[in-house]
Amino acid sequence: MADFIRNGFLLGLGAALAGKEKLQQKLNELVEKNELSKDQARQLMDSFIEKGQNQTDVWDEERREQMKKLGEELSLATKDDIAALKERISVLERKLKDPQE
């Protein structure tokens, strides 16, 4: 499962890099033809990067939700579950050491 997610991430990253390179190339062509100023090209590029980052944040949140749901479906222990169990074990160990507690 982890390999599947990793491969999907790498595929998306590769597509994003290829898309960024194509966009940069197209913006450079427009600047050379004086159809865009360098500032306009930079602003467009920044805008696309910001939108990409926002989408990445959305995907990250969706991935976290999917992993949480999968963990629940598989009945995996959460960090809170483990912390509660550790606390119970500590209490029991103290009771074993000092039964009068």
Protein backbone atom coordinates (compact mmCIF):
# COMPACT_ATOMS: atom_id res chain seq x y z
CA MET A 1 0.00 0.00 0.00
CA ALA A 2 2.81 2.40 0.89
CA ASP A 3 4.52 1.70 -2.45
CA PHE A 4 1.28 2.45 -4.28
CA ILE A 5 0.96 5.82 -2.50
CA ARG A 6 4.64 6.61 -3.02
CA ASN A 7 4.44 5.79 -6.74
CA GLY A 8 1.33 7.93 -7.10
CA PHE A 9 3.09 10.80 -5.37
CA LEU A 10 6.15 10.47 -7.61
CA LEU A 11 3.95 10.33 -10.71
CA GLY A 12 2.18 13.51 -9.62
CA LEU A 13 5.47 15.20 -8.83
CA GLY A 14 6.86 14.30 -12.25
CA ALA A 15 3.76 15.65 -13.97
CA ALA A 16 3.95 18.85 -11.93
CA LEU A 17 7.60 19.39 -12.82
CA ALA A 18 6.96 18.73 -16.50
CA GLY A 19 3.99 21.12 -16.41
CA LYS A 20 6.05 23.81 -14.69
CA GLU A 21 8.80 23.49 -17.29
CA LYS A 22 6.29 23.74 -20.15
CA LEU A 23 4.65 26.78 -18.54
CA GLN A 24 8.01 28.46 -18.01
CA GLN A 25 8.94 27.77 -21.63
CA LYS A 26 5.64 29.23 -22.89
CA LEU A 27 5.96 32.30 -20.69
CA ASN A 28 9.51 32.86 -21.94
CA GLU A 29 8.22 32.70 -25.53
CA LEU A 30 5.53 35.27 -24.75
CA VAL A 31 8.10 37.58 -23.15
CA GLU A 32 10.38 37.24 -26.19
CA LYS A 33 7.44 38.16 -28.47
CA ASN A 34 6.70 41.15 -26.18
CA GLU A 35 3.22 39.78 -25.52
CA LEU A 36 4.00 39.72 -21.79
CA SER A 37 6.37 41.71 -19.63
CA LYS A 38 8.84 39.90 -17.39
CA ASP A 39 6.82 41.05 -14.37
CA GLN A 40 3.59 39.70 -15.83
CA ALA A 41 5.27 36.39 -16.62
CA ARG A 42 6.67 36.19 -13.08
CA GLN A 43 3.25 36.99 -11.60
CA LEU A 44 1.58 34.31 -13.73
CA MET A 45 4.20 31.77 -12.72
CA ASP A 46 3.81 32.71 -9.04
CA SER A 47 0.04 32.41 -9.38
CA PHE A 48 0.27 28.92 -10.90
CA ILE A 49 2.77 27.84 -8.23
CA GLU A 50 0.47 29.14 -5.48
CA LYS A 51 -2.52 27.33 -6.99
CA GLY A 52 -0.42 24.17 -7.23
CA GLN A 53 0.61 24.47 -3.59
CA ASN A 54 -3.01 24.96 -2.56
CA GLN A 55 -4.01 21.85 -4.50
CA THR A 56 -1.15 19.92 -2.91
CA ASP A 57 -2.44 20.95 0.50
CA VAL A 58 -5.92 19.69 -0.44
CA TRP A 59 -4.48 16.39 -1.66
CA ASP A 60 -2.41 16.02 1.52
CA GLU A 61 -5.51 16.49 3.66
CA GLU A 62 -7.45 13.98 1.53
CA ARG A 63 -4.58 11.49 1.83
CA ARG A 64 -4.52 11.91 5.61
CA GLU A 65 -8.27 11.33 5.78
CA GLN A 66 -7.98 8.23 3.60
CA MET A 67 -5.17 6.84 5.76
CA LYS A 68 -7.19 7.54 8.91
CA LYS A 69 -10.22 5.81 7.43
CA LEU A 70 -8.10 2.85 6.34
CA GLY A 71 -6.63 2.58 9.84
CA GLU A 72 -10.12 2.55 11.32
CA GLU A 73 -11.32 -0.08 8.83
CA LEU A 74 -8.34 -2.28 9.69
CA SER A 75 -8.86 -1.64 13.42
CA LEU A 76 -5.32 -0.30 13.83
CA ALA A 77 -4.42 1.30 17.13
CA THR A 78 -4.10 5.08 17.11
CA LYS A 79 -1.44 7.07 18.96
CA ASP A 80 -4.07 7.92 21.56
CA ASP A 81 -4.96 4.23 21.96
CA ILE A 82 -1.31 3.36 22.50
CA ALA A 83 -0.79 6.22 24.96
CA ALA A 84 -3.83 5.08 26.97
CA LEU A 85 -2.51 1.52 27.05
CA LYS A 86 0.93 2.70 28.18
CA GLU A 87 -0.69 4.66 30.99
CA ARG A 88 -2.74 1.62 32.07
CA ILE A 89 0.41 -0.53 32.04
CA SER A 90 2.25 2.04 34.16
CA VAL A 91 -0.59 2.08 36.70
CA LEU A 92 -0.65 -1.73 36.86
CA GLU A 93 3.14 -1.91 37.24
CA ARG A 94 2.99 0.56 40.14
CA LYS A 95 0.25 -1.54 41.77
CA LEU A 96 2.37 -4.66 41.41
CA LYS A 97 5.34 -2.96 43.05
CA ASP A 98 3.25 -1.49 45.85
CA PRO A 99 0.05 -3.53 46.31
CA GLN A 100 -1.21 -1.14 49.03
CA GLU A 101 -1.80 1.62 46.46
